Amino acid sequence: MSLRLFRFGLLPIVIGGLIAPAPTYSEELELQRLSLRARVSERTLLGEQAPEDFREYDVSANVRLPWSHYATSGWGAGSRLMASAGLLRGAEKNALVVSLIPELTLGSEDGRFVLDLGVGGALFSRWRFGTQDYGGPFQFALTAGVTVPVYQKLGLGYRFLHYSDAGVNGSDTIGADFHMVEFSYRF
């Protein structure tokens, strides 16, 4: 294992796990939703053209965290943790991508209508795809999404997902943006 991978990939995850507050009751952490997602956009990078075209398909699970405030009307703010695993494909190469992203949510307490924003991390099994170099296995992940109900516990959503090493591995690395459609089941 390289020192760079440890310093910029595994070390922040380990430190985050050690300093994260432990919940006092197990019922405070509950599975909120499972989602299937797929990229639907062209190849852009925050307004620029990316050198490679990518596809991403993944599964995500959202776990409600105990920090929230909802009014008697049922609307308010909450927190959750989004974990995902999936396939990133570009330049005829495949990579496994796993991510862990804490999110702030705005919407209904029952999770039917949700707007979320989050910043976290992702690990890539491959980070070079043709002419595009993400820079290393650890990537910062920024996300924003919206989910609306379709039928009973089924939902449909849009998610923007951005991966970048934030220049940690040099200025010649390139991240990627994904506009994704999301099908979800709410518990």
N, C-alpha and C. Protein backbone atom coordinates (compact mmCIF):
# COMPACT_ATOMS: atom_id res chain seq x y z
N MET A 1 0.86 -1.18 0.00
CA MET A 1 0.00 0.00 0.00
C MET A 1 0.90 1.23 0.00
N SER A 2 0.64 2.16 -0.88
CA SER A 2 1.49 3.35 -0.97
C SER A 2 1.16 4.32 0.16
N LEU A 3 2.15 5.13 0.49
CA LEU A 3 1.99 6.14 1.53
C LEU A 3 0.94 7.17 1.12
N ARG A 4 0.88 7.51 -0.18
CA ARG A 4 -0.09 8.48 -0.67
C ARG A 4 -1.52 7.97 -0.48
N LEU A 5 -1.76 6.68 -0.79
CA LEU A 5 -3.08 6.08 -0.59
C LEU A 5 -3.46 6.13 0.88
N PHE A 6 -2.52 5.80 1.75
CA PHE A 6 -2.81 5.83 3.18
C PHE A 6 -3.11 7.25 3.65
N ARG A 7 -2.27 8.20 3.25
CA ARG A 7 -2.39 9.57 3.73
C ARG A 7 -3.67 10.25 3.24
N PHE A 8 -4.01 10.06 1.97
CA PHE A 8 -5.15 10.80 1.41
C PHE A 8 -6.39 9.95 1.21
N GLY A 9 -6.31 8.65 1.42
CA GLY A 9 -7.47 7.79 1.22
C GLY A 9 -7.97 7.15 2.49
N LEU A 10 -7.14 6.31 3.07
CA LEU A 10 -7.59 5.55 4.23
C LEU A 10 -7.50 6.34 5.52
N LEU A 11 -6.48 7.16 5.69
CA LEU A 11 -6.31 7.90 6.94
C LEU A 11 -7.51 8.80 7.26
N PRO A 12 -8.04 9.62 6.32
CA PRO A 12 -9.21 10.43 6.65
C PRO A 12 -10.44 9.60 7.03
N ILE A 13 -10.60 8.44 6.39
CA ILE A 13 -11.75 7.59 6.71
C ILE A 13 -11.61 7.03 8.12
N VAL A 14 -10.41 6.57 8.48
CA VAL A 14 -10.17 6.02 9.82
C VAL A 14 -10.36 7.10 10.88
N ILE A 15 -9.79 8.28 10.66
CA ILE A 15 -9.93 9.37 11.63
C ILE A 15 -11.39 9.77 11.77
N GLY A 16 -12.12 9.86 10.65
CA GLY A 16 -13.54 10.19 10.72
C GLY A 16 -14.33 9.18 11.52
N GLY A 17 -14.00 7.90 11.35
CA GLY A 17 -14.68 6.87 12.12
C GLY A 17 -14.38 6.94 13.61
N LEU A 18 -13.17 7.36 13.95
CA LEU A 18 -12.79 7.45 15.35
C LEU A 18 -13.42 8.64 16.06
N ILE A 19 -13.58 9.76 15.35
CA ILE A 19 -14.11 10.95 16.01
C ILE A 19 -15.62 11.13 15.85
N ALA A 20 -16.25 10.29 15.04
CA ALA A 20 -17.70 10.38 14.86
C ALA A 20 -18.39 10.04 16.17
N PRO A 21 -19.39 10.82 16.56
CA PRO A 21 -20.09 10.51 17.80
C PRO A 21 -20.88 9.21 17.68
N ALA A 22 -20.83 8.43 18.72
CA ALA A 22 -21.57 7.17 18.72
C ALA A 22 -23.03 7.44 19.09
N PRO A 23 -23.98 6.84 18.37
CA PRO A 23 -25.38 7.03 18.73
C PRO A 23 -25.67 6.34 20.06
N THR A 24 -26.62 6.90 20.79
CA THR A 24 -26.92 6.35 22.10
C THR A 24 -27.98 5.27 22.03
N TYR A 25 -28.83 5.26 21.01
CA TYR A 25 -29.87 4.26 20.88
C TYR A 25 -29.83 3.68 19.47
N SER A 26 -29.94 2.38 19.36
CA SER A 26 -29.85 1.76 18.04
C SER A 26 -31.00 2.16 17.13
N GLU A 27 -32.16 2.52 17.69
CA GLU A 27 -33.27 2.87 16.82
C GLU A 27 -33.09 4.25 16.18
N GLU A 28 -32.08 5.02 16.61
CA GLU A 28 -31.83 6.31 15.98
C GLU A 28 -31.28 6.15 14.57
N LEU A 29 -30.58 5.06 14.30
CA LEU A 29 -30.07 4.78 12.97
C LEU A 29 -31.04 3.82 12.29
N GLU A 30 -31.66 4.27 11.21
CA GLU A 30 -32.60 3.39 10.52
C GLU A 30 -32.45 3.54 9.02
N LEU A 31 -32.60 2.42 8.32
CA LEU A 31 -32.54 2.42 6.87
C LEU A 31 -33.73 3.22 6.34
N GLN A 32 -33.44 4.25 5.57
CA GLN A 32 -34.49 5.12 5.06
C GLN A 32 -34.90 4.76 3.64
N ARG A 33 -33.90 4.47 2.78
CA ARG A 33 -34.25 4.17 1.39
C ARG A 33 -33.11 3.41 0.71
N LEU A 34 -33.47 2.61 -0.30
CA LEU A 34 -32.53 1.95 -1.20
C LEU A 34 -32.78 2.49 -2.60
N SER A 35 -31.72 2.72 -3.35
CA SER A 35 -31.86 3.32 -4.68
C SER A 35 -30.98 2.63 -5.71
N LEU A 36 -31.47 2.61 -6.94
CA LEU A 36 -30.69 2.22 -8.11
C LEU A 36 -30.50 3.49 -8.93
N ARG A 37 -29.24 3.73 -9.37
CA ARG A 37 -28.96 4.97 -10.10
C ARG A 37 -28.18 4.67 -11.37
N ALA A 38 -28.38 5.53 -12.37
CA ALA A 38 -27.65 5.42 -13.64
C ALA A 38 -27.40 6.82 -14.19
N ARG A 39 -26.25 7.01 -14.80
CA ARG A 39 -25.90 8.29 -15.40
C ARG A 39 -26.70 8.49 -16.67
N VAL A 40 -27.16 9.73 -16.88
CA VAL A 40 -27.96 10.05 -18.06
C VAL A 40 -27.42 11.25 -18.84
N SER A 41 -26.24 11.77 -18.48
CA SER A 41 -25.78 13.04 -19.04
C SER A 41 -24.66 12.88 -20.06
N GLU A 42 -24.34 13.97 -20.69
CA GLU A 42 -23.18 14.07 -21.58
C GLU A 42 -21.92 14.22 -20.73
N ARG A 43 -20.76 14.25 -21.40
CA ARG A 43 -19.52 14.36 -20.66
C ARG A 43 -19.12 15.83 -20.46
N THR A 44 -19.44 16.35 -19.31
CA THR A 44 -19.06 17.70 -18.93
C THR A 44 -18.40 17.66 -17.56
N LEU A 45 -17.63 18.67 -17.27
CA LEU A 45 -16.97 18.78 -15.98
C LEU A 45 -17.12 20.21 -15.50
N LEU A 46 -18.16 20.48 -14.71
CA LEU A 46 -18.45 21.82 -14.22
C LEU A 46 -18.25 22.85 -15.33
N GLY A 47 -18.91 22.60 -16.47
CA GLY A 47 -18.87 23.54 -17.58
C GLY A 47 -17.82 23.23 -18.62
N GLU A 48 -16.86 22.34 -18.33
CA GLU A 48 -15.82 21.98 -19.28
C GLU A 48 -16.13 20.64 -19.92
N GLN A 49 -15.45 20.35 -21.01
CA GLN A 49 -15.59 19.06 -21.68
C GLN A 49 -14.59 18.08 -21.07
N ALA A 50 -15.06 16.92 -20.62
CA ALA A 50 -14.17 15.89 -20.09
C ALA A 50 -13.56 15.11 -21.25
N PRO A 51 -12.32 14.62 -21.10
CA PRO A 51 -11.68 13.91 -22.21
C PRO A 51 -12.28 12.53 -22.50
N GLU A 52 -12.92 11.91 -21.56
CA GLU A 52 -13.51 10.58 -21.75
C GLU A 52 -14.99 10.61 -21.40
N ASP A 53 -15.74 9.70 -22.00
CA ASP A 53 -17.16 9.56 -21.70
C ASP A 53 -17.31 8.41 -20.70
N PHE A 54 -18.08 8.62 -19.65
CA PHE A 54 -18.24 7.62 -18.60
C PHE A 54 -19.69 7.22 -18.43
N ARG A 55 -19.87 6.02 -17.94
CA ARG A 55 -21.16 5.51 -17.49
C ARG A 55 -20.97 5.11 -16.04
N GLU A 56 -21.97 5.35 -15.23
CA GLU A 56 -21.93 4.89 -13.84
C GLU A 56 -23.28 4.31 -13.49
N TYR A 57 -23.24 3.15 -12.86
CA TYR A 57 -24.43 2.45 -12.38
C TYR A 57 -24.12 2.04 -10.95
N ASP A 58 -25.03 2.33 -10.03
CA ASP A 58 -24.76 1.92 -8.66
C ASP A 58 -26.02 1.70 -7.86
N VAL A 59 -25.81 1.18 -6.68
CA VAL A 59 -26.85 0.96 -5.69
C VAL A 59 -26.46 1.78 -4.48
N SER A 60 -27.43 2.46 -3.89
CA SER A 60 -27.13 3.24 -2.69
C SER A 60 -28.14 2.93 -1.59
N ALA A 61 -27.67 3.09 -0.36
CA ALA A 61 -28.52 2.93 0.81
C ALA A 61 -28.39 4.20 1.63
N ASN A 62 -29.53 4.74 2.06
CA ASN A 62 -29.54 5.92 2.91
C ASN A 62 -29.98 5.52 4.30
N VAL A 63 -29.16 5.87 5.28
CA VAL A 63 -29.44 5.59 6.68
C VAL A 63 -29.71 6.91 7.37
N ARG A 64 -30.87 6.99 8.02
CA ARG A 64 -31.22 8.21 8.74
C ARG A 64 -30.32 8.34 9.97
N LEU A 65 -29.74 9.50 10.14
CA LEU A 65 -28.93 9.79 11.33
C LEU A 65 -29.80 10.49 12.37
N PRO A 66 -29.38 10.49 13.62
CA PRO A 66 -30.25 10.99 14.69
C PRO A 66 -30.42 12.51 14.75
N TRP A 67 -29.66 13.28 13.97
CA TRP A 67 -29.73 14.73 14.08
C TRP A 67 -30.76 15.28 13.11
N SER A 68 -31.87 15.77 13.64
CA SER A 68 -32.94 16.31 12.80
C SER A 68 -33.82 17.26 13.59
N HIS A 69 -34.56 18.08 12.85
CA HIS A 69 -35.56 18.97 13.46
C HIS A 69 -36.71 19.11 12.47
N TYR A 70 -37.87 18.60 12.86
CA TYR A 70 -39.06 18.70 12.02
C TYR A 70 -40.16 19.40 12.80
N ALA A 71 -40.89 20.26 12.11
CA ALA A 71 -42.02 20.97 12.72
C ALA A 71 -43.21 20.03 12.85
N THR A 72 -44.23 20.47 13.54
CA THR A 72 -45.44 19.64 13.70
C THR A 72 -46.12 19.39 12.35
N SER A 73 -45.83 20.22 11.36
CA SER A 73 -46.39 20.02 10.03
C SER A 73 -45.75 18.83 9.31
N GLY A 74 -44.61 18.33 9.84
CA GLY A 74 -43.92 17.21 9.22
C GLY A 74 -42.82 17.62 8.26
N TRP A 75 -42.54 18.92 8.13
CA TRP A 75 -41.49 19.42 7.24
C TRP A 75 -40.35 19.96 8.07
N GLY A 76 -39.12 19.78 7.57
CA GLY A 76 -37.97 20.29 8.31
C GLY A 76 -36.67 19.81 7.71
N ALA A 77 -35.66 19.69 8.59
CA ALA A 77 -34.31 19.30 8.17
C ALA A 77 -33.86 18.07 8.93
N GLY A 78 -33.06 17.26 8.28
CA GLY A 78 -32.54 16.06 8.91
C GLY A 78 -31.15 15.75 8.39
N SER A 79 -30.63 14.62 8.83
CA SER A 79 -29.32 14.18 8.37
C SER A 79 -29.38 12.69 8.05
N ARG A 80 -28.55 12.29 7.12
CA ARG A 80 -28.48 10.88 6.78
C ARG A 80 -27.10 10.58 6.20
N LEU A 81 -26.82 9.30 6.09
CA LEU A 81 -25.57 8.84 5.52
C LEU A 81 -25.90 8.03 4.29
N MET A 82 -25.29 8.40 3.16
CA MET A 82 -25.52 7.68 1.91
C MET A 82 -24.28 6.83 1.62
N ALA A 83 -24.46 5.52 1.52
CA ALA A 83 -23.39 4.60 1.14
C ALA A 83 -23.76 4.01 -0.22
N SER A 84 -22.78 3.94 -1.11
CA SER A 84 -23.08 3.39 -2.44
C SER A 84 -21.92 2.54 -2.93
N ALA A 85 -22.25 1.65 -3.84
CA ALA A 85 -21.26 0.82 -4.52
C ALA A 85 -21.74 0.62 -5.95
N GLY A 86 -20.81 0.70 -6.90
CA GLY A 86 -21.23 0.55 -8.27
C GLY A 86 -20.10 0.45 -9.25
N LEU A 87 -20.48 0.49 -10.52
CA LEU A 87 -19.57 0.33 -11.64
C LEU A 87 -19.38 1.66 -12.35
N LEU A 88 -18.12 2.05 -12.54
CA LEU A 88 -17.77 3.21 -13.34
C LEU A 88 -17.08 2.67 -14.59
N ARG A 89 -17.59 3.04 -15.78
CA ARG A 89 -17.04 2.53 -17.03
C ARG A 89 -16.67 3.69 -17.94
N GLY A 90 -15.41 3.69 -18.41
CA GLY A 90 -14.94 4.69 -19.34
C GLY A 90 -13.73 4.18 -20.09
N ALA A 91 -13.58 4.57 -21.35
CA ALA A 91 -12.46 4.17 -22.19
C ALA A 91 -12.28 2.65 -22.20
N GLU A 92 -13.42 1.93 -22.25
CA GLU A 92 -13.42 0.46 -22.29
C GLU A 92 -12.81 -0.17 -21.03
N LYS A 93 -12.75 0.58 -19.92
CA LYS A 93 -12.23 0.08 -18.65
C LYS A 93 -13.33 0.19 -17.60
N ASN A 94 -13.32 -0.77 -16.65
CA ASN A 94 -14.29 -0.77 -15.56
C ASN A 94 -13.60 -0.53 -14.23
N ALA A 95 -14.32 0.11 -13.31
CA ALA A 95 -13.80 0.31 -11.96
C ALA A 95 -14.94 0.14 -10.97
N LEU A 96 -14.60 -0.40 -9.82
CA LEU A 96 -15.53 -0.45 -8.69
C LEU A 96 -15.39 0.87 -7.95
N VAL A 97 -16.51 1.49 -7.64
CA VAL A 97 -16.49 2.74 -6.88
C VAL A 97 -17.40 2.56 -5.67
N VAL A 98 -16.85 2.81 -4.48
CA VAL A 98 -17.64 2.80 -3.25
C VAL A 98 -17.53 4.18 -2.62
N SER A 99 -18.63 4.64 -2.04
CA SER A 99 -18.62 5.98 -1.43
C SER A 99 -19.39 5.99 -0.13
N LEU A 100 -19.05 6.96 0.69
CA LEU A 100 -19.72 7.21 1.96
C LEU A 100 -19.86 8.72 2.07
N ILE A 101 -21.12 9.20 2.07
CA ILE A 101 -21.36 10.65 2.01
C ILE A 101 -22.40 11.06 3.06
N PRO A 102 -22.01 11.82 4.08
CA PRO A 102 -23.00 12.39 5.00
C PRO A 102 -23.78 13.48 4.27
N GLU A 103 -25.09 13.55 4.54
CA GLU A 103 -25.94 14.51 3.84
C GLU A 103 -26.82 15.28 4.81
N LEU A 104 -27.13 16.50 4.43
CA LEU A 104 -28.15 17.32 5.07
C LEU A 104 -29.38 17.22 4.20
N THR A 105 -30.54 16.93 4.79
CA THR A 105 -31.76 16.81 4.00
C THR A 105 -32.77 17.87 4.40
N LEU A 106 -33.55 18.31 3.43
CA LEU A 106 -34.67 19.22 3.65
C LEU A 106 -35.88 18.57 3.02
N GLY A 107 -37.00 18.56 3.73
CA GLY A 107 -38.20 17.96 3.15
C GLY A 107 -39.13 17.41 4.20
N SER A 108 -39.90 16.42 3.78
CA SER A 108 -40.90 15.83 4.68
C SER A 108 -40.24 14.79 5.59
N GLU A 109 -40.73 14.71 6.80
CA GLU A 109 -40.16 13.79 7.78
C GLU A 109 -40.30 12.33 7.36
N ASP A 110 -41.36 12.01 6.62
CA ASP A 110 -41.56 10.63 6.17
C ASP A 110 -40.66 10.26 4.98
N GLY A 111 -39.89 11.22 4.46
CA GLY A 111 -38.95 10.94 3.38
C GLY A 111 -39.55 10.88 1.99
N ARG A 112 -40.82 11.27 1.85
CA ARG A 112 -41.45 11.22 0.52
C ARG A 112 -40.87 12.29 -0.40
N PHE A 113 -40.75 13.51 0.08
CA PHE A 113 -40.17 14.62 -0.68
C PHE A 113 -38.87 15.01 0.00
N VAL A 114 -37.73 14.91 -0.71
CA VAL A 114 -36.44 15.18 -0.08
C VAL A 114 -35.53 15.93 -1.05
N LEU A 115 -34.89 16.97 -0.54
CA LEU A 115 -33.79 17.66 -1.20
C LEU A 115 -32.58 17.42 -0.31
N ASP A 116 -31.47 16.93 -0.89
CA ASP A 116 -30.30 16.64 -0.05
C ASP A 116 -29.04 17.23 -0.65
N LEU A 117 -28.08 17.51 0.24
CA LEU A 117 -26.76 18.03 -0.13
C LEU A 117 -25.74 17.29 0.70
N GLY A 118 -24.63 16.86 0.10
CA GLY A 118 -23.64 16.12 0.87
C GLY A 118 -22.24 16.24 0.31
N VAL A 119 -21.28 16.01 1.21
CA VAL A 119 -19.86 15.98 0.86
C VAL A 119 -19.25 14.80 1.59
N GLY A 120 -18.52 13.97 0.86
CA GLY A 120 -17.90 12.80 1.47
C GLY A 120 -16.73 12.31 0.65
N GLY A 121 -16.52 11.00 0.69
CA GLY A 121 -15.40 10.41 -0.02
C GLY A 121 -15.79 9.18 -0.80
N ALA A 122 -14.95 8.86 -1.79
CA ALA A 122 -15.16 7.67 -2.61
C ALA A 122 -13.81 7.02 -2.86
N LEU A 123 -13.83 5.70 -2.99
CA LEU A 123 -12.63 4.94 -3.33
C LEU A 123 -12.86 4.28 -4.69
N PHE A 124 -11.88 4.44 -5.60
CA PHE A 124 -11.93 3.88 -6.94
C PHE A 124 -10.95 2.71 -7.02
N SER A 125 -11.36 1.61 -7.65
CA SER A 125 -10.42 0.50 -7.87
C SER A 125 -9.48 0.81 -9.04
N ARG A 126 -9.86 1.73 -9.90
CA ARG A 126 -9.03 2.19 -11.03
C ARG A 126 -9.27 3.69 -11.14
N TRP A 127 -8.22 4.45 -11.45
CA TRP A 127 -8.40 5.90 -11.56
C TRP A 127 -7.85 6.47 -12.86
N ARG A 128 -7.33 5.63 -13.74
CA ARG A 128 -6.90 6.07 -15.07
C ARG A 128 -7.77 5.38 -16.11
N PHE A 129 -8.40 6.19 -16.95
CA PHE A 129 -9.28 5.70 -18.01
C PHE A 129 -8.88 6.41 -19.30
N GLY A 130 -8.12 5.74 -20.15
CA GLY A 130 -7.69 6.37 -21.39
C GLY A 130 -6.88 7.62 -21.10
N THR A 131 -7.33 8.76 -21.62
CA THR A 131 -6.61 10.02 -21.40
C THR A 131 -7.03 10.72 -20.12
N GLN A 132 -8.01 10.21 -19.41
CA GLN A 132 -8.47 10.87 -18.18
C GLN A 132 -7.87 10.20 -16.95
N ASP A 133 -7.24 11.03 -16.12
CA ASP A 133 -6.60 10.56 -14.89
C ASP A 133 -7.26 11.26 -13.71
N TYR A 134 -7.95 10.49 -12.87
CA TYR A 134 -8.58 11.05 -11.68
C TYR A 134 -7.54 11.42 -10.62
N GLY A 135 -6.33 10.87 -10.71
CA GLY A 135 -5.26 11.24 -9.79
C GLY A 135 -4.96 10.23 -8.71
N GLY A 136 -5.89 9.39 -8.33
CA GLY A 136 -5.63 8.41 -7.29
C GLY A 136 -6.90 7.71 -6.87
N PRO A 137 -6.78 6.74 -5.97
CA PRO A 137 -7.95 5.94 -5.58
C PRO A 137 -8.95 6.70 -4.72
N PHE A 138 -8.49 7.69 -3.95
CA PHE A 138 -9.43 8.45 -3.11
C PHE A 138 -9.89 9.69 -3.85
N GLN A 139 -11.21 9.89 -3.87
CA GLN A 139 -11.81 11.07 -4.49
C GLN A 139 -12.78 11.72 -3.51
N PHE A 140 -12.82 13.02 -3.51
CA PHE A 140 -13.87 13.71 -2.77
C PHE A 140 -15.14 13.59 -3.60
N ALA A 141 -16.26 13.44 -2.93
CA ALA A 141 -17.54 13.29 -3.62
C ALA A 141 -18.50 14.37 -3.13
N LEU A 142 -19.04 15.15 -4.04
CA LEU A 142 -20.05 16.16 -3.73
C LEU A 142 -21.33 15.74 -4.41
N THR A 143 -22.46 15.88 -3.73
CA THR A 143 -23.71 15.45 -4.31
C THR A 143 -24.86 16.37 -3.91
N ALA A 144 -25.83 16.43 -4.77
CA ALA A 144 -27.10 17.11 -4.50
C ALA A 144 -28.18 16.32 -5.22
N GLY A 145 -29.31 16.15 -4.57
CA GLY A 145 -30.36 15.37 -5.20
C GLY A 145 -31.73 15.78 -4.73
N VAL A 146 -32.72 15.35 -5.49
CA VAL A 146 -34.11 15.59 -5.13
C VAL A 146 -34.89 14.31 -5.44
N THR A 147 -35.80 13.95 -4.54
CA THR A 147 -36.61 12.75 -4.71
C THR A 147 -38.07 13.09 -4.48
N VAL A 148 -38.94 12.57 -5.34
CA VAL A 148 -40.38 12.77 -5.20
C VAL A 148 -41.07 11.40 -5.27
N PRO A 149 -42.24 11.28 -4.64
CA PRO A 149 -42.94 9.99 -4.68
C PRO A 149 -43.57 9.74 -6.04
N VAL A 150 -43.60 8.45 -6.43
CA VAL A 150 -44.25 8.05 -7.68
C VAL A 150 -45.47 7.21 -7.36
N TYR A 151 -45.28 6.19 -6.53
CA TYR A 151 -46.38 5.31 -6.17
C TYR A 151 -46.05 4.68 -4.82
N GLN A 152 -46.89 4.90 -3.84
CA GLN A 152 -46.73 4.38 -2.49
C GLN A 152 -45.31 4.61 -1.99
N LYS A 153 -44.47 3.59 -1.87
CA LYS A 153 -43.13 3.75 -1.34
C LYS A 153 -42.06 3.88 -2.41
N LEU A 154 -42.45 3.93 -3.66
CA LEU A 154 -41.51 4.09 -4.76
C LEU A 154 -41.31 5.57 -5.08
N GLY A 155 -40.07 5.93 -5.39
CA GLY A 155 -39.76 7.31 -5.70
C GLY A 155 -38.88 7.44 -6.92
N LEU A 156 -38.86 8.61 -7.48
CA LEU A 156 -38.05 8.94 -8.64
C LEU A 156 -37.26 10.19 -8.30
N GLY A 157 -35.99 10.21 -8.67
CA GLY A 157 -35.17 11.36 -8.32
C GLY A 157 -34.12 11.70 -9.35
N TYR A 158 -33.52 12.86 -9.12
CA TYR A 158 -32.39 13.35 -9.90
C TYR A 158 -31.23 13.53 -8.93
N ARG A 159 -30.02 13.15 -9.35
CA ARG A 159 -28.84 13.34 -8.51
C ARG A 159 -27.71 13.90 -9.34
N PHE A 160 -27.05 14.94 -8.83
CA PHE A 160 -25.80 15.45 -9.39
C PHE A 160 -24.69 14.91 -8.50
N LEU A 161 -23.67 14.32 -9.11
CA LEU A 161 -22.56 13.74 -8.36
C LEU A 161 -21.26 14.19 -9.00
N HIS A 162 -20.36 14.73 -8.20
CA HIS A 162 -19.07 15.21 -8.69
C HIS A 162 -17.95 14.50 -7.93
N TYR A 163 -16.99 13.93 -8.68
CA TYR A 163 -15.80 13.33 -8.10
C TYR A 163 -14.60 14.19 -8.45
N SER A 164 -13.71 14.40 -7.48
CA SER A 164 -12.50 15.16 -7.72
C SER A 164 -11.49 14.85 -6.62
N ASP A 165 -10.21 14.88 -6.97
CA ASP A 165 -9.19 14.73 -5.93
C ASP A 165 -8.80 16.09 -5.35
N ALA A 166 -9.46 17.16 -5.80
CA ALA A 166 -9.23 18.53 -5.31
C ALA A 166 -7.77 18.95 -5.44
N GLY A 167 -7.09 18.43 -6.44
CA GLY A 167 -5.70 18.81 -6.67
C GLY A 167 -4.70 18.15 -5.74
N VAL A 168 -5.13 17.22 -4.91
CA VAL A 168 -4.22 16.55 -3.96
C VAL A 168 -3.12 15.81 -4.71
N ASN A 169 -3.44 15.21 -5.84
CA ASN A 169 -2.47 14.43 -6.61
C ASN A 169 -1.86 15.21 -7.77
N GLY A 170 -1.95 16.52 -7.74
CA GLY A 170 -1.38 17.35 -8.79
C GLY A 170 -2.43 18.12 -9.55
N SER A 171 -1.99 19.08 -10.32
CA SER A 171 -2.91 19.95 -11.04
C SER A 171 -3.36 19.36 -12.38
N ASP A 172 -2.76 18.26 -12.82
CA ASP A 172 -3.10 17.69 -14.12
C ASP A 172 -4.16 16.59 -14.03
N THR A 173 -4.80 16.43 -12.88
CA THR A 173 -5.85 15.42 -12.75
C THR A 173 -7.20 16.02 -13.11
N ILE A 174 -8.12 15.14 -13.51
CA ILE A 174 -9.44 15.60 -13.94
C ILE A 174 -10.50 14.78 -13.21
N GLY A 175 -11.48 15.44 -12.66
CA GLY A 175 -12.60 14.76 -12.02
C GLY A 175 -13.70 14.47 -13.02
N ALA A 176 -14.90 14.25 -12.51
CA ALA A 176 -16.03 13.97 -13.41
C ALA A 176 -17.33 14.38 -12.74
N ASP A 177 -18.29 14.76 -13.56
CA ASP A 177 -19.63 15.10 -13.11
C ASP A 177 -20.61 14.09 -13.67
N PHE A 178 -21.60 13.74 -12.87
CA PHE A 178 -22.62 12.79 -13.30
C PHE A 178 -24.00 13.36 -13.00
N HIS A 179 -24.85 13.39 -14.00
CA HIS A 179 -26.27 13.69 -13.82
C HIS A 179 -26.96 12.35 -13.88
N MET A 180 -27.63 11.97 -12.81
CA MET A 180 -28.16 10.61 -12.69
C MET A 180 -29.64 10.59 -12.42
N VAL A 181 -30.30 9.56 -12.93
CA VAL A 181 -31.67 9.29 -12.58
C VAL A 181 -31.64 8.23 -11.48
N GLU A 182 -32.56 8.36 -10.54
CA GLU A 182 -32.53 7.52 -9.33
C GLU A 182 -33.91 6.94 -9.08
N PHE A 183 -33.99 5.62 -9.00
CA PHE A 183 -35.24 4.95 -8.63
C PHE A 183 -35.06 4.43 -7.22
N SER A 184 -36.01 4.74 -6.33
CA SER A 184 -35.81 4.40 -4.92
C SER A 184 -37.03 3.73 -4.30
N TYR A 185 -36.73 3.00 -3.23
CA TYR A 185 -37.76 2.38 -2.40
C TYR A 185 -37.58 2.93 -0.99
N ARG A 186 -38.61 3.52 -0.44
CA ARG A 186 -38.58 4.14 0.88
C ARG A 186 -39.15 3.17 1.92
N PHE A 187 -38.42 3.01 3.01
CA PHE A 187 -38.87 2.14 4.11
C PHE A 187 -39.72 2.90 5.11
